Amino acid sequence: MTEKIEIKLKEGLNELKFGLSMGGVKKILGNPDDTEIDDDDGEKTEIWYYWEHGITVFFDYTEDKRCTCLETENIDATLLGKSISELKETDIKDLFSQKGYKDFETEDETWGERRISINDAVVDIYFDNGEVVSVNWGVDYNDEEKPLWP
């Protein structure tokens, strides 16, 4: 992937859409640099790392191993038209509020980063000393807990 990374809330990034199979992701990004399986309380997720691009792809086993979540540490990625390197912790609420999002939550993580979750946008933004270090976003779910694939 040589093009600029555009974070598309509740959709994916660039042409990589939530709901893609592992094969579909490989067609777009190629083989991952590293993989792991997380089995947290019986909820199995396969995680693919693309270090060069600063992208992590999450495949939920309960959703037939389809892509349900993405994360990037690539500071050149864009979110709501802004480079994530430009986003400051103090500006996040204003930026998302202007786009109609209202459900904000902030927590200081045990490892030292601050997380701002915008729950109605299905995104978590992690900060270290007020600077973005990563963005994690996912597919939205309906009231029956079924994914709303783009």
C-alpha atoms as a PDB file:
ATOM      1  CA  MET A   1       0.000   0.000   0.000  1.00  0.00           C
ATOM      2  CA  THR A   2       1.748   3.135  -1.191  1.00  0.00           C
ATOM      3  CA  GLU A   3      -1.133   5.546  -1.028  1.00  0.00           C
ATOM      4  CA  LYS A   4      -1.957   7.757   1.911  1.00  0.00           C
ATOM      5  CA  ILE A   5      -3.928   6.046   4.667  1.00  0.00           C
ATOM      6  CA  GLU A   6      -7.409   7.492   5.054  1.00  0.00           C
ATOM      7  CA  ILE A   7      -9.239   6.349   8.178  1.00  0.00           C
ATOM      8  CA  LYS A   8     -12.891   5.858   7.261  1.00  0.00           C
ATOM      9  CA  LEU A   9     -14.933   5.604  10.439  1.00  0.00           C
ATOM     10  CA  LYS A  10     -17.164   2.501  10.592  1.00  0.00           C
ATOM     11  CA  GLU A  11     -15.947   1.539   7.080  1.00  0.00           C
ATOM     12  CA  GLY A  12     -12.238   0.729   7.050  1.00  0.00           C
ATOM     13  CA  LEU A  13      -9.297   2.424   5.390  1.00  0.00           C
ATOM     14  CA  ASN A  14      -8.826   3.263   1.752  1.00  0.00           C
ATOM     15  CA  GLU A  15     -10.193   0.279  -0.225  1.00  0.00           C
ATOM     16  CA  LEU A  16      -9.824  -2.078   2.762  1.00  0.00           C
ATOM     17  CA  LYS A  17     -13.369  -2.390   4.133  1.00  0.00           C
ATOM     18  CA  PHE A  18     -14.642  -3.992   7.305  1.00  0.00           C
ATOM     19  CA  GLY A  19     -16.109  -7.391   6.521  1.00  0.00           C
ATOM     20  CA  LEU A  20     -13.329  -8.479   4.177  1.00  0.00           C
ATOM     21  CA  SER A  21     -12.049 -12.019   4.510  1.00  0.00           C
ATOM     22  CA  MET A  22      -8.406 -12.770   5.218  1.00  0.00           C
ATOM     23  CA  GLY A  23      -7.928 -13.474   1.502  1.00  0.00           C
ATOM     24  CA  GLY A  24      -9.486 -10.120   0.624  1.00  0.00           C
ATOM     25  CA  VAL A  25      -7.115  -8.299   2.967  1.00  0.00           C
ATOM     26  CA  LYS A  26      -4.123 -10.182   1.506  1.00  0.00           C
ATOM     27  CA  LYS A  27      -5.123  -9.035  -1.993  1.00  0.00           C
ATOM     28  CA  ILE A  28      -4.903  -5.421  -0.805  1.00  0.00           C
ATOM     29  CA  LEU A  29      -2.037  -5.454   1.715  1.00  0.00           C
ATOM     30  CA  GLY A  30      -0.173  -8.658   0.858  1.00  0.00           C
ATOM     31  CA  ASN A  31       1.090 -11.112   3.442  1.00  0.00           C
ATOM     32  CA  PRO A  32       1.381  -9.751   6.986  1.00  0.00           C
ATOM     33  CA  ASP A  33       4.789  -9.204   8.542  1.00  0.00           C
ATOM     34  CA  ASP A  34       3.665 -10.937  11.723  1.00  0.00           C
ATOM     35  CA  THR A  35       0.522 -12.547  13.147  1.00  0.00           C
ATOM     36  CA  GLU A  36      -0.882 -13.594  16.488  1.00  0.00           C
ATOM     37  CA  ILE A  37      -4.064 -15.084  17.877  1.00  0.00           C
ATOM     38  CA  ASP A  38      -5.661 -13.481  20.908  1.00  0.00           C
ATOM     39  CA  ASP A  39      -8.070 -15.692  22.825  1.00  0.00           C
ATOM     40  CA  ASP A  40      -9.426 -13.302  25.437  1.00  0.00           C
ATOM     41  CA  ASP A  41     -12.174 -14.952  27.495  1.00  0.00           C
ATOM     42  CA  GLY A  42     -13.055 -17.313  24.642  1.00  0.00           C
ATOM     43  CA  GLU A  43     -13.400 -14.520  22.062  1.00  0.00           C
ATOM     44  CA  LYS A  44     -10.806 -15.405  19.478  1.00  0.00           C
ATOM     45  CA  THR A  45      -9.243 -12.731  17.268  1.00  0.00           C
ATOM     46  CA  GLU A  46      -6.485 -13.135  14.710  1.00  0.00           C
ATOM     47  CA  ILE A  47      -4.250 -10.095  14.420  1.00  0.00           C
ATOM     48  CA  TRP A  48      -2.121  -9.254  11.386  1.00  0.00           C
ATOM     49  CA  TYR A  49       0.672  -6.709  11.586  1.00  0.00           C
ATOM     50  CA  TYR A  50       1.959  -4.681   8.652  1.00  0.00           C
ATOM     51  CA  TRP A  51       4.914  -2.911  10.286  1.00  0.00           C
ATOM     52  CA  GLU A  52       6.073  -0.958   7.227  1.00  0.00           C
ATOM     53  CA  HIS A  53       2.642   0.630   6.781  1.00  0.00           C
ATOM     54  CA  GLY A  54       1.931   1.041  10.502  1.00  0.00           C
ATOM     55  CA  ILE A  55      -1.308  -0.941  10.131  1.00  0.00           C
ATOM     56  CA  THR A  56      -2.794  -3.703  12.270  1.00  0.00           C
ATOM     57  CA  VAL A  57      -5.805  -5.738  11.062  1.00  0.00           C
ATOM     58  CA  PHE A  58      -8.109  -7.662  13.425  1.00  0.00           C
ATOM     59  CA  PHE A  59     -10.195 -10.653  12.297  1.00  0.00           C
ATOM     60  CA  ASP A  60     -12.994 -11.726  14.626  1.00  0.00           C
ATOM     61  CA  TYR A  61     -13.552 -15.493  14.680  1.00  0.00           C
ATOM     62  CA  THR A  62     -17.198 -15.022  15.729  1.00  0.00           C
ATOM     63  CA  GLU A  63     -17.694 -13.083  12.470  1.00  0.00           C
ATOM     64  CA  ASP A  64     -16.277 -15.840  10.230  1.00  0.00           C
ATOM     65  CA  LYS A  65     -12.739 -14.439  10.498  1.00  0.00           C
ATOM     66  CA  ARG A  66     -13.728 -11.194   8.805  1.00  0.00           C
ATOM     67  CA  CYS A  67     -12.024  -7.857   9.379  1.00  0.00           C
ATOM     68  CA  THR A  68     -13.825  -6.028  12.189  1.00  0.00           C
ATOM     69  CA  CYS A  69     -11.191  -3.614  13.454  1.00  0.00           C
ATOM     70  CA  LEU A  70      -8.114  -1.708  12.308  1.00  0.00           C
ATOM     71  CA  GLU A  71      -5.373   0.217  14.024  1.00  0.00           C
ATOM     72  CA  THR A  72      -2.702   2.555  12.729  1.00  0.00           C
ATOM     73  CA  GLU A  73       0.357   4.182  14.190  1.00  0.00           C
ATOM     74  CA  ASN A  74       1.150   5.843  10.864  1.00  0.00           C
ATOM     75  CA  ILE A  75       1.250   9.551  11.742  1.00  0.00           C
ATOM     76  CA  ASP A  76       0.595  10.463   8.101  1.00  0.00           C
ATOM     77  CA  ALA A  77      -2.826   8.781   8.208  1.00  0.00           C
ATOM     78  CA  THR A  78      -5.799  11.122   7.903  1.00  0.00           C
ATOM     79  CA  LEU A  79      -8.903  11.186  10.071  1.00  0.00           C
ATOM     80  CA  LEU A  80     -11.827  13.499   9.327  1.00  0.00           C
ATOM     81  CA  GLY A  81      -9.661  15.319   6.804  1.00  0.00           C
ATOM     82  CA  LYS A  82      -6.757  15.958   9.189  1.00  0.00           C
ATOM     83  CA  SER A  83      -3.409  14.220   9.506  1.00  0.00           C
ATOM     84  CA  ILE A  84      -3.414  12.391  12.830  1.00  0.00           C
ATOM     85  CA  SER A  85      -0.082  14.057  13.601  1.00  0.00           C
ATOM     86  CA  GLU A  86      -2.019  17.371  13.690  1.00  0.00           C
ATOM     87  CA  LEU A  87      -4.639  16.097  16.138  1.00  0.00           C
ATOM     88  CA  LYS A  88      -4.194  17.309  19.657  1.00  0.00           C
ATOM     89  CA  GLU A  89      -5.922  15.819  22.647  1.00  0.00           C
ATOM     90  CA  THR A  90      -7.574  19.151  23.451  1.00  0.00           C
ATOM     91  CA  ASP A  91      -9.091  19.426  19.935  1.00  0.00           C
ATOM     92  CA  ILE A  92     -10.616  15.958  19.592  1.00  0.00           C
ATOM     93  CA  LYS A  93     -13.967  16.694  21.217  1.00  0.00           C
ATOM     94  CA  ASP A  94     -14.495  19.815  19.083  1.00  0.00           C
ATOM     95  CA  LEU A  95     -13.498  18.051  15.865  1.00  0.00           C
ATOM     96  CA  PHE A  96     -15.807  15.078  16.449  1.00  0.00           C
ATOM     97  CA  SER A  97     -18.645  17.215  17.833  1.00  0.00           C
ATOM     98  CA  GLN A  98     -18.606  19.236  14.601  1.00  0.00           C
ATOM     99  CA  LYS A  99     -19.216  15.956  12.742  1.00  0.00           C
ATOM    100  CA  GLY A 100     -22.190  15.057  14.989  1.00  0.00           C
ATOM    101  CA  TYR A 101     -20.518  12.658  17.420  1.00  0.00           C
ATOM    102  CA  LYS A 102     -21.431  13.060  21.093  1.00  0.00           C
ATOM    103  CA  ASP A 103     -20.462   9.965  23.103  1.00  0.00           C
ATOM    104  CA  PHE A 104     -16.976  10.674  24.531  1.00  0.00           C
ATOM    105  CA  GLU A 105     -15.052   8.788  27.190  1.00  0.00           C
ATOM    106  CA  THR A 106     -11.523   9.404  28.475  1.00  0.00           C
ATOM    107  CA  GLU A 107      -9.322   7.047  30.452  1.00  0.00           C
ATOM    108  CA  ASP A 108      -5.696   6.975  31.516  1.00  0.00           C
ATOM    109  CA  GLU A 109      -4.311   3.555  30.628  1.00  0.00           C
ATOM    110  CA  THR A 110      -2.063   1.641  33.030  1.00  0.00           C
ATOM    111  CA  TRP A 111       0.827   1.792  30.543  1.00  0.00           C
ATOM    112  CA  GLY A 112       0.757   5.606  30.589  1.00  0.00           C
ATOM    113  CA  GLU A 113      -1.191   6.600  27.486  1.00  0.00           C
ATOM    114  CA  ARG A 114      -4.487   8.471  27.565  1.00  0.00           C
ATOM    115  CA  ARG A 115      -7.352   7.006  25.554  1.00  0.00           C
ATOM    116  CA  ILE A 116     -10.193   9.068  24.186  1.00  0.00           C
ATOM    117  CA  SER A 117     -13.025   6.894  22.940  1.00  0.00           C
ATOM    118  CA  ILE A 118     -15.713   8.317  20.705  1.00  0.00           C
ATOM    119  CA  ASN A 119     -18.170   5.475  21.118  1.00  0.00           C
ATOM    120  CA  ASP A 120     -20.710   6.550  18.504  1.00  0.00           C
ATOM    121  CA  ALA A 121     -17.848   6.794  15.964  1.00  0.00           C
ATOM    122  CA  VAL A 122     -16.426   3.396  17.089  1.00  0.00           C
ATOM    123  CA  VAL A 123     -12.930   4.852  17.489  1.00  0.00           C
ATOM    124  CA  ASP A 124     -10.276   5.023  20.202  1.00  0.00           C
ATOM    125  CA  ILE A 125      -7.469   7.544  19.928  1.00  0.00           C
ATOM    126  CA  TYR A 126      -4.385   7.049  22.102  1.00  0.00           C
ATOM    127  CA  PHE A 127      -2.190   9.937  23.216  1.00  0.00           C
ATOM    128  CA  ASP A 128       1.184  10.222  24.872  1.00  0.00           C
ATOM    129  CA  ASN A 129       1.998  13.685  26.229  1.00  0.00           C
ATOM    130  CA  GLY A 130      -0.884  15.150  24.202  1.00  0.00           C
ATOM    131  CA  GLU A 131       0.322  13.672  20.877  1.00  0.00           C
ATOM    132  CA  VAL A 132      -1.465  10.906  18.954  1.00  0.00           C
ATOM    133  CA  VAL A 133       0.359   7.574  19.058  1.00  0.00           C
ATOM    134  CA  SER A 134      -2.333   5.345  17.528  1.00  0.00           C
ATOM    135  CA  VAL A 135      -5.898   5.213  16.284  1.00  0.00           C
ATOM    136  CA  ASN A 136      -8.055   2.095  16.617  1.00  0.00           C
ATOM    137  CA  TRP A 137     -11.440   1.958  14.856  1.00  0.00           C
ATOM    138  CA  GLY A 138     -13.993  -0.692  14.053  1.00  0.00           C
ATOM    139  CA  VAL A 139     -17.210  -1.750  12.446  1.00  0.00           C
ATOM    140  CA  ASP A 140     -20.462  -0.608  14.042  1.00  0.00           C
ATOM    141  CA  TYR A 141     -23.010  -3.102  15.390  1.00  0.00           C
ATOM    142  CA  ASN A 142     -26.812  -2.962  15.478  1.00  0.00           C
ATOM    143  CA  ASP A 143     -29.009  -3.573  18.547  1.00  0.00           C
ATOM    144  CA  GLU A 144     -28.899  -7.354  17.904  1.00  0.00           C
ATOM    145  CA  GLU A 145     -25.076  -7.181  17.991  1.00  0.00           C
ATOM    146  CA  LYS A 146     -24.792  -7.910  14.263  1.00  0.00           C
ATOM    147  CA  PRO A 147     -22.100  -6.025  12.351  1.00  0.00           C
ATOM    148  CA  LEU A 148     -23.209  -3.244  10.026  1.00  0.00           C
ATOM    149  CA  TRP A 149     -20.850  -4.039   7.151  1.00  0.00           C
ATOM    150  CA  PRO A 150     -20.127  -1.089   4.851  1.00  0.00           C
END
